Amino acid sequence: MHLGRFTYKGRESIGLISEGMVTDIGDRFRAFHEVIDKTGPGWHDLALSEAVGPAVPLNDVILKPALDPDRTVFALAANYRKHAEEAGVGVPDHPVVFTKPESACVGSGEAIVLPKISMKMDYEGELAAVVGRTARSVSAADAAEYIAGYTIVNDLTARDLQWTNLGQHRIVDWLSSKMLDRTTPVGPWVVSAEHVTDPHRLQLRTRLNGQLMQDSSTEFMVFSIWEIVEYLSARVTLRSGDIIATGTPFGVGGFREIFLKAGDTVEVEIEQIGTLHNRVEAP
């Protein structure tokens, strides 16, 4: 049983997703973090709740980003050694983190909208952890207790807007390259942590128009999810429903001069979680 945001007949809600059906729990909960905060691990106690609505086929709903609008997407740069090498940057000595606004996010099946200001949009398939409760100064040893589940992020990047000069230094323009409207698919849903055997042993594959572009494993992260939680929670309070995208492996398109164009389809598949798929549209 998974947790998702969806729209059905013009009404946006929260739902439990199982065996191709979506059960509406929006009359009881208005947000992901409310479900996470008020129910037990795996959301099993919701299955028999008298407050849930009728089930409808998954194919009849529009999936929305697996993220509450008031929550934060934290994302990691250069967290796979081979990707850092293909990008021509060194492996960092501590996690390098940026954020994405909710306005950048779209759901699985929704359109990625190419921005008018970039001609070099690139895919980046990533595993993302969903925070389960307030985390402040959490140790890596305890970090697993603070993760409620997992989802998928496609961290699109505008390669032609990625760098800028600041005096004699070349720095990343995170806003222009990573935070553009409707360029970050998140979903298709949140899978409970108890259903993921080991988040650091998951196969990750990205396909562009059916062609396999990324084929790797989360075991090759430079910094584990637990180390990332420790790093972040020492600096900022993590809230239930926040998402931590853990970086992308080798095989992005930009360093091979392969960029997204209108009409493309992109799929990011991670075992035990599912497939995040999106079409690409012109602005």
Protein backbone atom coordinates (compact mmCIF):
# COMPACT_ATOMS: atom_id res chain seq x y z
CA MET A 1 0.00 0.00 0.00
CA HIS A 2 1.40 3.37 -1.11
CA LEU A 3 0.54 6.97 -0.34
CA GLY A 4 -0.20 9.41 -3.16
CA ARG A 5 -1.63 12.78 -4.10
CA PHE A 6 -4.09 12.78 -6.97
CA THR A 7 -6.85 14.63 -8.77
CA TYR A 8 -10.13 12.89 -9.61
CA LYS A 9 -12.99 14.68 -11.37
CA GLY A 10 -11.39 18.03 -10.60
CA ARG A 11 -10.91 17.38 -6.87
CA GLU A 12 -7.40 17.07 -5.45
CA SER A 13 -6.95 14.70 -2.54
CA ILE A 14 -4.73 12.21 -0.70
CA GLY A 15 -5.08 8.50 -1.36
CA LEU A 16 -3.91 5.02 -0.51
CA ILE A 17 -2.78 3.18 -3.64
CA SER A 18 -2.91 -0.61 -3.81
CA GLU A 19 -3.45 -3.17 -6.58
CA GLY A 20 -4.29 -0.58 -9.19
CA MET A 21 -6.88 1.22 -7.06
CA VAL A 22 -6.84 4.55 -5.20
CA THR A 23 -8.78 4.92 -1.94
CA ASP A 24 -9.54 8.54 -1.09
CA ILE A 25 -8.63 9.56 2.48
CA GLY A 26 -8.89 13.29 1.83
CA ASP A 27 -11.87 13.75 4.13
CA ARG A 28 -9.66 12.73 7.01
CA PHE A 29 -6.26 14.06 5.95
CA ARG A 30 -5.38 17.15 3.95
CA ALA A 31 -1.66 16.45 3.48
CA PHE A 32 0.97 13.72 3.39
CA HIS A 33 2.57 14.88 6.59
CA GLU A 34 -0.75 14.58 8.44
CA VAL A 35 -0.99 10.92 7.42
CA ILE A 36 2.62 10.34 8.44
CA ASP A 37 2.19 12.17 11.76
CA LYS A 38 -1.11 10.62 12.83
CA THR A 39 -0.88 6.99 11.70
CA GLY A 40 1.46 4.08 12.26
CA PRO A 41 4.28 2.90 9.99
CA GLY A 42 3.03 1.69 6.64
CA TRP A 43 -0.38 3.34 7.11
CA HIS A 44 -1.97 -0.09 7.70
CA ASP A 45 -4.43 1.24 10.26
CA LEU A 46 -6.02 3.33 7.50
CA ALA A 47 -7.13 0.30 5.50
CA LEU A 48 -10.13 -0.38 7.73
CA SER A 49 -10.89 3.23 8.66
CA GLU A 50 -14.51 4.25 8.33
CA ALA A 51 -13.30 7.69 7.25
CA VAL A 52 -11.85 6.57 3.90
CA GLY A 53 -13.78 7.17 0.72
CA PRO A 54 -14.53 4.81 -2.18
CA ALA A 55 -11.77 3.32 -4.29
CA VAL A 56 -11.36 4.33 -7.94
CA PRO A 57 -9.06 2.87 -10.62
CA LEU A 58 -5.56 4.30 -10.66
CA ASN A 59 -5.85 4.82 -14.41
CA ASP A 60 -8.76 7.21 -13.83
CA VAL A 61 -6.85 9.69 -11.65
CA ILE A 62 -4.15 12.26 -12.34
CA LEU A 63 -1.21 11.74 -10.03
CA LYS A 64 0.22 14.90 -8.47
CA PRO A 65 3.71 15.39 -7.03
CA ALA A 66 4.36 13.16 -4.01
CA LEU A 67 4.99 16.27 -1.93
CA ASP A 68 2.94 18.60 0.26
CA PRO A 69 2.95 22.15 -1.17
CA ASP A 70 4.38 23.59 2.05
CA ARG A 71 7.22 21.08 2.34
CA THR A 72 10.80 21.24 1.05
CA VAL A 73 12.68 19.22 -1.53
CA PHE A 74 16.32 18.95 -0.52
CA ALA A 75 18.58 17.60 -3.27
CA LEU A 76 22.16 16.37 -3.41
CA ALA A 77 24.78 17.31 -5.99
CA ALA A 78 27.63 15.01 -7.05
CA ASN A 79 26.62 12.18 -4.71
CA TYR A 80 27.78 9.44 -7.08
CA ARG A 81 31.48 9.26 -7.92
CA LYS A 82 31.07 8.35 -11.61
CA HIS A 83 28.54 11.14 -12.12
CA ALA A 84 30.89 13.64 -10.49
CA GLU A 85 33.57 12.46 -12.90
CA GLU A 86 31.37 12.75 -16.00
CA ALA A 87 30.41 16.26 -14.86
CA GLY A 88 34.07 17.21 -14.53
CA VAL A 89 33.80 18.05 -10.82
CA GLY A 90 35.45 16.45 -7.85
CA VAL A 91 33.73 14.30 -5.26
CA PRO A 92 32.79 16.62 -2.36
CA ASP A 93 34.10 16.07 1.16
CA HIS A 94 30.62 16.70 2.60
CA PRO A 95 27.09 16.66 1.10
CA VAL A 96 26.38 19.53 -1.30
CA VAL A 97 22.71 20.45 -0.94
CA PHE A 98 20.28 22.68 -2.81
CA THR A 99 16.48 22.97 -2.65
CA LYS A 100 13.61 22.99 -5.11
CA PRO A 101 10.31 24.87 -4.72
CA GLU A 102 6.96 23.13 -5.02
CA SER A 103 6.30 25.16 -8.19
CA ALA A 104 9.09 23.20 -9.91
CA CYS A 105 7.37 19.87 -9.28
CA VAL A 106 4.98 17.79 -11.39
CA GLY A 107 3.44 14.39 -10.83
CA SER A 108 4.03 11.14 -12.65
CA GLY A 109 2.16 11.27 -15.95
CA GLU A 110 2.06 15.06 -15.98
CA ALA A 111 4.03 17.06 -18.52
CA ILE A 112 7.53 18.39 -18.05
CA VAL A 113 7.35 21.87 -19.56
CA LEU A 114 10.56 23.01 -21.22
CA PRO A 115 11.49 26.54 -20.11
CA LYS A 116 11.87 29.19 -22.76
CA ILE A 117 15.21 30.30 -21.32
CA SER A 118 17.02 26.96 -21.72
CA MET A 119 17.86 24.82 -24.74
CA LYS A 120 19.77 22.17 -22.80
CA MET A 121 17.49 20.48 -20.29
CA ASP A 122 18.88 17.24 -18.91
CA TYR A 123 17.32 14.35 -16.92
CA GLU A 124 18.67 13.03 -13.60
CA GLY A 125 16.95 10.00 -12.05
CA GLU A 126 17.20 9.86 -8.25
CA LEU A 127 16.01 7.98 -5.19
CA ALA A 128 14.36 10.26 -2.64
CA ALA A 129 13.74 9.67 1.07
CA VAL A 130 10.64 11.09 2.77
CA VAL A 131 11.12 12.43 6.29
CA GLY A 132 8.79 10.86 8.86
CA ARG A 133 9.10 13.15 11.87
CA THR A 134 10.78 16.31 13.05
CA ALA A 135 14.54 15.85 12.94
CA ARG A 136 17.08 18.08 14.65
CA SER A 137 20.71 17.07 15.19
CA VAL A 138 20.02 13.41 14.38
CA SER A 139 22.99 11.04 14.25
CA ALA A 140 23.57 8.80 11.25
CA ALA A 141 23.12 5.81 13.56
CA ASP A 142 19.56 6.92 14.38
CA ALA A 143 18.61 8.41 11.01
CA ALA A 144 16.62 5.42 9.71
CA GLU A 145 14.06 6.02 12.47
CA TYR A 146 13.26 9.40 10.89
CA ILE A 147 12.47 8.14 7.38
CA ALA A 148 8.84 7.28 6.63
CA GLY A 149 9.24 6.14 3.05
CA TYR A 150 10.75 6.60 -0.38
CA THR A 151 9.82 8.08 -3.74
CA ILE A 152 11.51 9.04 -7.03
CA VAL A 153 12.71 12.43 -8.28
CA ASN A 154 13.77 13.38 -11.80
CA ASP A 155 16.05 16.34 -11.03
CA LEU A 156 16.06 18.10 -14.39
CA THR A 157 18.93 20.50 -14.91
CA ALA A 158 19.37 23.36 -17.37
CA ARG A 159 22.97 22.69 -18.39
CA ASP A 160 23.27 25.96 -20.31
CA LEU A 161 22.26 27.91 -17.19
CA GLN A 162 24.19 25.88 -14.65
CA TRP A 163 27.31 28.00 -14.22
CA THR A 164 28.00 31.68 -13.71
CA ASN A 165 31.09 33.74 -12.96
CA LEU A 166 31.49 35.53 -9.64
CA GLY A 167 34.65 37.56 -9.92
CA GLN A 168 37.42 35.06 -10.64
CA HIS A 169 35.33 32.13 -9.45
CA ARG A 170 32.93 29.87 -11.37
CA ILE A 171 29.91 28.92 -9.29
CA VAL A 172 26.64 27.05 -9.80
CA ASP A 173 23.50 29.08 -10.47
CA TRP A 174 21.11 26.80 -8.55
CA LEU A 175 18.03 28.92 -9.23
CA SER A 176 18.39 29.05 -13.01
CA SER A 177 19.58 25.48 -13.47
CA LYS A 178 17.56 23.51 -10.92
CA MET A 179 14.41 25.37 -9.82
CA LEU A 180 12.55 26.18 -13.03
CA ASP A 181 8.77 25.82 -13.08
CA ARG A 182 7.32 22.40 -13.92
CA THR A 183 10.66 20.73 -14.54
CA THR A 184 10.95 18.30 -11.61
CA PRO A 185 8.82 15.15 -11.61
CA VAL A 186 8.26 13.69 -8.12
CA GLY A 187 6.45 10.40 -7.55
CA PRO A 188 4.65 8.36 -8.56
CA TRP A 189 3.83 7.82 -4.87
CA VAL A 190 5.50 7.27 -1.49
CA VAL A 191 6.37 3.69 -0.58
CA SER A 192 6.54 2.95 3.14
CA ALA A 193 10.06 2.40 4.48
CA GLU A 194 9.07 -1.02 5.78
CA HIS A 195 8.53 -2.18 2.20
CA VAL A 196 12.03 -1.21 1.05
CA THR A 197 14.51 -3.90 2.03
CA ASP A 198 17.62 -1.72 1.85
CA PRO A 199 17.51 1.77 0.27
CA HIS A 200 21.23 1.50 -0.43
CA ARG A 201 20.82 -1.61 -2.60
CA LEU A 202 18.22 -0.55 -5.17
CA GLN A 203 18.59 -0.72 -8.94
CA LEU A 204 17.93 2.62 -10.66
CA ARG A 205 17.26 2.91 -14.39
CA THR A 206 16.39 5.94 -16.53
CA ARG A 207 15.04 5.57 -20.05
CA LEU A 208 14.68 8.29 -22.67
CA ASN A 209 12.17 7.35 -25.39
CA GLY A 210 12.61 3.73 -24.31
CA GLN A 211 16.41 3.78 -24.55
CA LEU A 212 18.28 2.90 -21.37
CA MET A 213 20.40 5.89 -20.33
CA GLN A 214 21.16 5.30 -16.63
CA ASP A 215 21.62 1.84 -15.13
CA SER A 216 23.13 1.84 -11.68
CA SER A 217 22.54 1.08 -8.01
CA THR A 218 22.02 3.26 -4.97
CA GLU A 219 24.89 1.36 -3.34
CA PHE A 220 27.25 3.75 -5.16
CA MET A 221 26.18 6.87 -3.28
CA VAL A 222 29.11 8.81 -1.84
CA PHE A 223 27.08 9.78 1.23
CA SER A 224 24.41 7.42 2.53
CA ILE A 225 20.89 8.55 3.32
CA TRP A 226 21.75 8.30 7.01
CA GLU A 227 24.81 10.53 6.61
CA ILE A 228 22.75 13.03 4.63
CA VAL A 229 20.09 13.17 7.37
CA GLU A 230 22.81 13.77 9.95
CA TYR A 231 24.33 16.56 7.85
CA LEU A 232 21.03 18.28 7.10
CA SER A 233 19.50 17.99 10.55
CA ALA A 234 22.58 19.60 12.09
CA ARG A 235 21.87 22.69 9.98
CA VAL A 236 18.11 22.87 9.44
CA THR A 237 15.03 21.33 11.03
CA LEU A 238 13.63 18.54 8.87
CA ARG A 239 9.84 18.16 8.96
CA SER A 240 7.61 15.20 8.24
CA GLY A 241 6.86 15.18 4.52
CA ASP A 242 10.11 16.86 3.50
CA ILE A 243 11.87 15.05 0.65
CA ILE A 244 15.59 14.35 0.30
CA ALA A 245 16.64 13.54 -3.29
CA THR A 246 19.91 11.65 -2.96
CA GLY A 247 21.69 12.51 -6.22
CA THR A 248 21.94 10.91 -9.63
CA PRO A 249 24.31 8.21 -10.93
CA PHE A 250 26.38 8.15 -14.12
CA GLY A 251 24.63 8.42 -17.48
CA VAL A 252 22.96 11.82 -17.72
CA GLY A 253 22.52 13.20 -21.19
CA GLY A 254 24.04 16.65 -20.97
CA PHE A 255 27.65 15.57 -21.05
CA ARG A 256 26.91 13.55 -24.21
CA GLU A 257 25.05 16.48 -25.83
CA ILE A 258 21.72 14.67 -25.41
CA PHE A 259 19.04 17.12 -24.30
CA LEU A 260 15.30 16.85 -23.82
CA LYS A 261 12.97 18.04 -26.57
CA ALA A 262 9.21 18.32 -26.98
CA GLY A 263 7.67 14.90 -27.60
CA ASP A 264 10.23 12.96 -25.55
CA THR A 265 9.23 10.59 -22.77
CA VAL A 266 11.37 10.02 -19.69
CA GLU A 267 11.01 7.12 -17.27
CA VAL A 268 12.88 6.65 -13.99
CA GLU A 269 12.44 3.20 -12.50
CA ILE A 270 13.65 2.17 -9.05
CA GLU A 271 13.03 -1.34 -7.81
CA GLN A 272 10.62 -1.75 -4.89
CA ILE A 273 9.26 1.76 -5.56
CA GLY A 274 7.92 1.97 -9.11
CA THR A 275 8.29 4.05 -12.27
CA LEU A 276 8.09 7.81 -12.62
CA HIS A 277 7.15 8.61 -16.20
CA ASN A 278 6.62 11.94 -17.93
CA ARG A 279 6.27 13.37 -21.40
CA VAL A 280 8.07 16.54 -22.41
CA GLU A 281 6.20 19.53 -23.82
CA ALA A 282 7.23 22.80 -25.41
CA PRO A 283 6.71 25.97 -23.36
